[in-house]
Amino acid sequence: MLIDEVKIKVKAGKGGRGAVVFSRVKMTLGPTGGDGGRGGNVYFEGVSDLSALNQFRYKKELSAENGKNGKGGFSDGTGGKDLFLKVPVGTVIHNLSLEQDSEIVSVGQRLLMAEGGKGGRGNFKFRSSTNTTPKEFEEGSLGQEYELRLELKMIADVG
């Protein structure tokens, strides 16, 4: 069965939280909190398989991986993995949230649909000459979230 139109919801990953950590080593005291990792992006990629929209038949909500939280010792969190969704060439992507349209016209073409959130800053970034032991940190920002309608243009539609 060939599916030529489907409605889905995509969500990019959330950025990781910055860390509040202090060094316990003598002579190197101070903040050592790392930054959070960025959230994963959501991409659409063109393929030649016309039945590629079948993957969205039952799974309507798709999301990329969240970024990991920062750690001590200036260790930043790892970024979330990007999500690549394969769609057939000739697919028109209607962004219902932004009211924009995009089209995949060639095999291998990648289209960024939702951008992942930025990772938060750790307490090392908040140090200053007057505040040498900051307890502040930053939460990671949320990733973009969109409702989409995917429509496959067929030769019969043109005729």
C-alpha atoms as a PDB file:
ATOM      1  CA  MET A   1       0.000   0.000   0.000  1.00  0.00           C
ATOM      2  CA  LEU A   2       1.415   3.362  -1.010  1.00  0.00           C
ATOM      3  CA  ILE A   3       1.018   6.211   1.435  1.00  0.00           C
ATOM      4  CA  ASP A   4       1.174   9.616  -0.248  1.00  0.00           C
ATOM      5  CA  GLU A   5       0.193  11.941   2.627  1.00  0.00           C
ATOM      6  CA  VAL A   6       0.885  11.798   6.350  1.00  0.00           C
ATOM      7  CA  LYS A   7       0.805  14.181   9.315  1.00  0.00           C
ATOM      8  CA  ILE A   8       3.636  13.931  11.873  1.00  0.00           C
ATOM      9  CA  LYS A   9       5.183  15.883  14.743  1.00  0.00           C
ATOM     10  CA  VAL A  10       8.978  16.318  14.972  1.00  0.00           C
ATOM     11  CA  LYS A  11      10.915  17.526  17.996  1.00  0.00           C
ATOM     12  CA  ALA A  12      14.598  18.427  18.166  1.00  0.00           C
ATOM     13  CA  GLY A  13      16.616  17.503  21.261  1.00  0.00           C
ATOM     14  CA  LYS A  14      16.889  19.666  24.374  1.00  0.00           C
ATOM     15  CA  GLY A  15      20.283  21.068  25.333  1.00  0.00           C
ATOM     16  CA  GLY A  16      22.035  19.614  28.388  1.00  0.00           C
ATOM     17  CA  ARG A  17      22.303  21.417  31.719  1.00  0.00           C
ATOM     18  CA  GLY A  18      25.562  23.049  32.823  1.00  0.00           C
ATOM     19  CA  ALA A  19      27.301  21.601  35.897  1.00  0.00           C
ATOM     20  CA  VAL A  20      28.133  23.159  39.278  1.00  0.00           C
ATOM     21  CA  VAL A  21      31.328  21.446  40.440  1.00  0.00           C
ATOM     22  CA  PHE A  22      34.333  22.616  42.441  1.00  0.00           C
ATOM     23  CA  SER A  23      37.886  21.270  42.411  1.00  0.00           C
ATOM     24  CA  ARG A  24      39.086  19.698  45.657  1.00  0.00           C
ATOM     25  CA  VAL A  25      42.742  19.578  44.678  1.00  0.00           C
ATOM     26  CA  LYS A  26      44.887  21.883  46.817  1.00  0.00           C
ATOM     27  CA  MET A  27      46.260  24.951  44.970  1.00  0.00           C
ATOM     28  CA  THR A  28      43.725  24.528  42.135  1.00  0.00           C
ATOM     29  CA  LEU A  29      40.534  25.288  44.012  1.00  0.00           C
ATOM     30  CA  GLY A  30      37.711  26.865  42.072  1.00  0.00           C
ATOM     31  CA  PRO A  31      34.851  26.095  39.727  1.00  0.00           C
ATOM     32  CA  THR A  32      35.320  23.270  37.203  1.00  0.00           C
ATOM     33  CA  GLY A  33      31.755  22.736  35.931  1.00  0.00           C
ATOM     34  CA  GLY A  34      31.431  21.865  32.244  1.00  0.00           C
ATOM     35  CA  ASP A  35      28.838  23.018  29.733  1.00  0.00           C
ATOM     36  CA  GLY A  36      25.880  20.927  28.619  1.00  0.00           C
ATOM     37  CA  GLY A  37      25.812  19.321  25.186  1.00  0.00           C
ATOM     38  CA  ARG A  38      23.628  20.599  22.344  1.00  0.00           C
ATOM     39  CA  GLY A  39      20.423  18.801  21.416  1.00  0.00           C
ATOM     40  CA  GLY A  40      20.161  16.782  18.220  1.00  0.00           C
ATOM     41  CA  ASN A  41      18.733  18.269  15.003  1.00  0.00           C
ATOM     42  CA  VAL A  42      15.990  16.768  12.813  1.00  0.00           C
ATOM     43  CA  TYR A  43      16.809  16.403   9.098  1.00  0.00           C
ATOM     44  CA  PHE A  44      14.863  15.098   6.116  1.00  0.00           C
ATOM     45  CA  GLU A  45      16.854  13.233   3.459  1.00  0.00           C
ATOM     46  CA  GLY A  46      15.702  12.343  -0.056  1.00  0.00           C
ATOM     47  CA  VAL A  47      15.717   8.696  -1.198  1.00  0.00           C
ATOM     48  CA  SER A  48      14.488   7.015  -4.387  1.00  0.00           C
ATOM     49  CA  ASP A  49      12.156   4.563  -2.578  1.00  0.00           C
ATOM     50  CA  LEU A  50       8.533   5.635  -3.149  1.00  0.00           C
ATOM     51  CA  SER A  51       7.272   3.643  -0.156  1.00  0.00           C
ATOM     52  CA  ALA A  52       9.504   5.488   2.334  1.00  0.00           C
ATOM     53  CA  LEU A  53       6.520   7.317   3.871  1.00  0.00           C
ATOM     54  CA  ASN A  54       5.235   3.972   5.203  1.00  0.00           C
ATOM     55  CA  GLN A  55       7.529   4.370   8.228  1.00  0.00           C
ATOM     56  CA  PHE A  56       5.278   7.217   9.422  1.00  0.00           C
ATOM     57  CA  ARG A  57       2.082   5.176   9.209  1.00  0.00           C
ATOM     58  CA  TYR A  58       1.967   4.264  12.908  1.00  0.00           C
ATOM     59  CA  LYS A  59       4.749   6.355  14.437  1.00  0.00           C
ATOM     60  CA  LYS A  60       3.513   9.961  14.362  1.00  0.00           C
ATOM     61  CA  GLU A  61       5.826  11.621  16.924  1.00  0.00           C
ATOM     62  CA  LEU A  62       9.569  11.576  16.253  1.00  0.00           C
ATOM     63  CA  SER A  63      12.299  13.236  18.298  1.00  0.00           C
ATOM     64  CA  ALA A  64      16.061  13.633  18.232  1.00  0.00           C
ATOM     65  CA  GLU A  65      18.272  12.817  21.200  1.00  0.00           C
ATOM     66  CA  ASN A  66      18.735  15.299  24.054  1.00  0.00           C
ATOM     67  CA  GLY A  67      22.172  16.662  24.922  1.00  0.00           C
ATOM     68  CA  LYS A  68      23.905  15.252  28.003  1.00  0.00           C
ATOM     69  CA  ASN A  69      24.515  17.332  31.128  1.00  0.00           C
ATOM     70  CA  GLY A  70      27.925  18.840  31.870  1.00  0.00           C
ATOM     71  CA  LYS A  71      30.293  17.140  34.321  1.00  0.00           C
ATOM     72  CA  GLY A  72      33.116  18.143  36.614  1.00  0.00           C
ATOM     73  CA  GLY A  73      36.722  18.654  35.590  1.00  0.00           C
ATOM     74  CA  PHE A  74      35.817  20.971  32.686  1.00  0.00           C
ATOM     75  CA  SER A  75      34.077  18.069  30.912  1.00  0.00           C
ATOM     76  CA  ASP A  76      31.321  19.230  28.604  1.00  0.00           C
ATOM     77  CA  GLY A  77      28.315  17.009  27.996  1.00  0.00           C
ATOM     78  CA  THR A  78      28.106  15.176  24.690  1.00  0.00           C
ATOM     79  CA  GLY A  79      25.759  16.437  22.019  1.00  0.00           C
ATOM     80  CA  GLY A  80      22.598  14.542  21.140  1.00  0.00           C
ATOM     81  CA  LYS A  81      22.494  12.437  17.965  1.00  0.00           C
ATOM     82  CA  ASP A  82      20.806  13.981  14.958  1.00  0.00           C
ATOM     83  CA  LEU A  83      17.682  12.311  13.582  1.00  0.00           C
ATOM     84  CA  PHE A  84      17.640  11.647   9.815  1.00  0.00           C
ATOM     85  CA  LEU A  85      14.218  10.870   8.340  1.00  0.00           C
ATOM     86  CA  LYS A  86      14.202   9.297   4.867  1.00  0.00           C
ATOM     87  CA  VAL A  87      11.486  10.578   2.525  1.00  0.00           C
ATOM     88  CA  PRO A  88      10.963   9.932  -1.204  1.00  0.00           C
ATOM     89  CA  VAL A  89      12.107  12.449  -3.791  1.00  0.00           C
ATOM     90  CA  GLY A  90       9.200  14.720  -4.691  1.00  0.00           C
ATOM     91  CA  THR A  91       7.935  15.048  -1.113  1.00  0.00           C
ATOM     92  CA  VAL A  92       6.553  18.451  -0.157  1.00  0.00           C
ATOM     93  CA  ILE A  93       6.938  19.229   3.544  1.00  0.00           C
ATOM     94  CA  HIS A  94       4.252  21.586   4.821  1.00  0.00           C
ATOM     95  CA  ASN A  95       5.240  23.099   8.178  1.00  0.00           C
ATOM     96  CA  LEU A  96       1.845  23.689   9.796  1.00  0.00           C
ATOM     97  CA  SER A  97       3.361  25.570  12.751  1.00  0.00           C
ATOM     98  CA  LEU A  98       5.249  28.155  10.647  1.00  0.00           C
ATOM     99  CA  GLU A  99       3.076  27.901   7.524  1.00  0.00           C
ATOM    100  CA  GLN A 100       6.103  27.273   5.281  1.00  0.00           C
ATOM    101  CA  ASP A 101       6.600  24.733   2.509  1.00  0.00           C
ATOM    102  CA  SER A 102       9.807  22.907   1.516  1.00  0.00           C
ATOM    103  CA  GLU A 103      10.454  20.232  -1.093  1.00  0.00           C
ATOM    104  CA  ILE A 104      12.943  17.399  -1.472  1.00  0.00           C
ATOM    105  CA  VAL A 105      13.946  17.394  -5.160  1.00  0.00           C
ATOM    106  CA  SER A 106      16.982  15.085  -5.382  1.00  0.00           C
ATOM    107  CA  VAL A 107      18.375  11.897  -3.879  1.00  0.00           C
ATOM    108  CA  GLY A 108      20.704  12.653  -0.970  1.00  0.00           C
ATOM    109  CA  GLN A 109      19.392  16.192  -0.435  1.00  0.00           C
ATOM    110  CA  ARG A 110      19.259  17.039   3.267  1.00  0.00           C
ATOM    111  CA  LEU A 111      16.909  19.591   4.733  1.00  0.00           C
ATOM    112  CA  LEU A 112      17.207  20.879   8.310  1.00  0.00           C
ATOM    113  CA  MET A 113      13.699  20.913   9.734  1.00  0.00           C
ATOM    114  CA  ALA A 114      14.126  21.416  13.507  1.00  0.00           C
ATOM    115  CA  GLU A 115      17.208  22.729  15.270  1.00  0.00           C
ATOM    116  CA  GLY A 116      18.340  21.302  18.603  1.00  0.00           C
ATOM    117  CA  GLY A 117      18.622  23.377  21.763  1.00  0.00           C
ATOM    118  CA  LYS A 118      21.827  24.982  22.965  1.00  0.00           C
ATOM    119  CA  GLY A 119      23.619  23.471  25.951  1.00  0.00           C
ATOM    120  CA  GLY A 120      23.699  25.439  29.191  1.00  0.00           C
ATOM    121  CA  ARG A 121      26.840  26.956  30.666  1.00  0.00           C
ATOM    122  CA  GLY A 122      28.589  25.458  33.695  1.00  0.00           C
ATOM    123  CA  ASN A 123      29.713  27.404  36.764  1.00  0.00           C
ATOM    124  CA  PHE A 124      33.244  27.825  35.340  1.00  0.00           C
ATOM    125  CA  LYS A 125      31.833  30.341  32.827  1.00  0.00           C
ATOM    126  CA  PHE A 126      30.303  32.441  35.635  1.00  0.00           C
ATOM    127  CA  ARG A 127      33.558  33.049  37.564  1.00  0.00           C
ATOM    128  CA  SER A 128      34.864  36.581  37.958  1.00  0.00           C
ATOM    129  CA  SER A 129      37.338  38.539  40.072  1.00  0.00           C
ATOM    130  CA  THR A 130      34.642  39.330  42.633  1.00  0.00           C
ATOM    131  CA  ASN A 131      32.874  35.956  42.560  1.00  0.00           C
ATOM    132  CA  THR A 132      35.480  33.188  42.586  1.00  0.00           C
ATOM    133  CA  THR A 133      33.072  30.440  43.683  1.00  0.00           C
ATOM    134  CA  PRO A 134      29.941  30.849  41.555  1.00  0.00           C
ATOM    135  CA  LYS A 135      27.056  28.489  42.193  1.00  0.00           C
ATOM    136  CA  GLU A 136      25.163  29.626  39.099  1.00  0.00           C
ATOM    137  CA  PHE A 137      24.614  27.471  36.052  1.00  0.00           C
ATOM    138  CA  GLU A 138      22.416  27.579  32.987  1.00  0.00           C
ATOM    139  CA  GLU A 139      19.735  25.130  31.909  1.00  0.00           C
ATOM    140  CA  GLY A 140      19.871  23.952  28.313  1.00  0.00           C
ATOM    141  CA  SER A 141      17.387  25.516  25.890  1.00  0.00           C
ATOM    142  CA  LEU A 142      14.547  23.543  24.335  1.00  0.00           C
ATOM    143  CA  GLY A 143      14.732  22.251  20.778  1.00  0.00           C
ATOM    144  CA  GLN A 144      12.318  23.333  18.082  1.00  0.00           C
ATOM    145  CA  GLU A 145       9.053  21.416  17.765  1.00  0.00           C
ATOM    146  CA  TYR A 146       6.877  21.424  14.645  1.00  0.00           C
ATOM    147  CA  GLU A 147       3.774  19.804  13.265  1.00  0.00           C
ATOM    148  CA  LEU A 148       4.303  18.745   9.637  1.00  0.00           C
ATOM    149  CA  ARG A 149       2.267  17.367   6.779  1.00  0.00           C
ATOM    150  CA  LEU A 150       4.263  15.320   4.258  1.00  0.00           C
ATOM    151  CA  GLU A 151       2.762  15.079   0.788  1.00  0.00           C
ATOM    152  CA  LEU A 152       4.227  12.947  -1.998  1.00  0.00           C
ATOM    153  CA  LYS A 153       3.762  14.465  -5.457  1.00  0.00           C
ATOM    154  CA  MET A 154       3.030  11.765  -8.019  1.00  0.00           C
ATOM    155  CA  ILE A 155       3.141  11.877 -11.821  1.00  0.00           C
ATOM    156  CA  ALA A 156      -0.608  11.113 -11.835  1.00  0.00           C
ATOM    157  CA  ASP A 157      -1.244  14.236  -9.752  1.00  0.00           C
ATOM    158  CA  VAL A 158       0.460  16.375 -12.369  1.00  0.00           C
ATOM    159  CA  GLY A 159      -1.515  14.800 -15.230  1.00  0.00           C
END
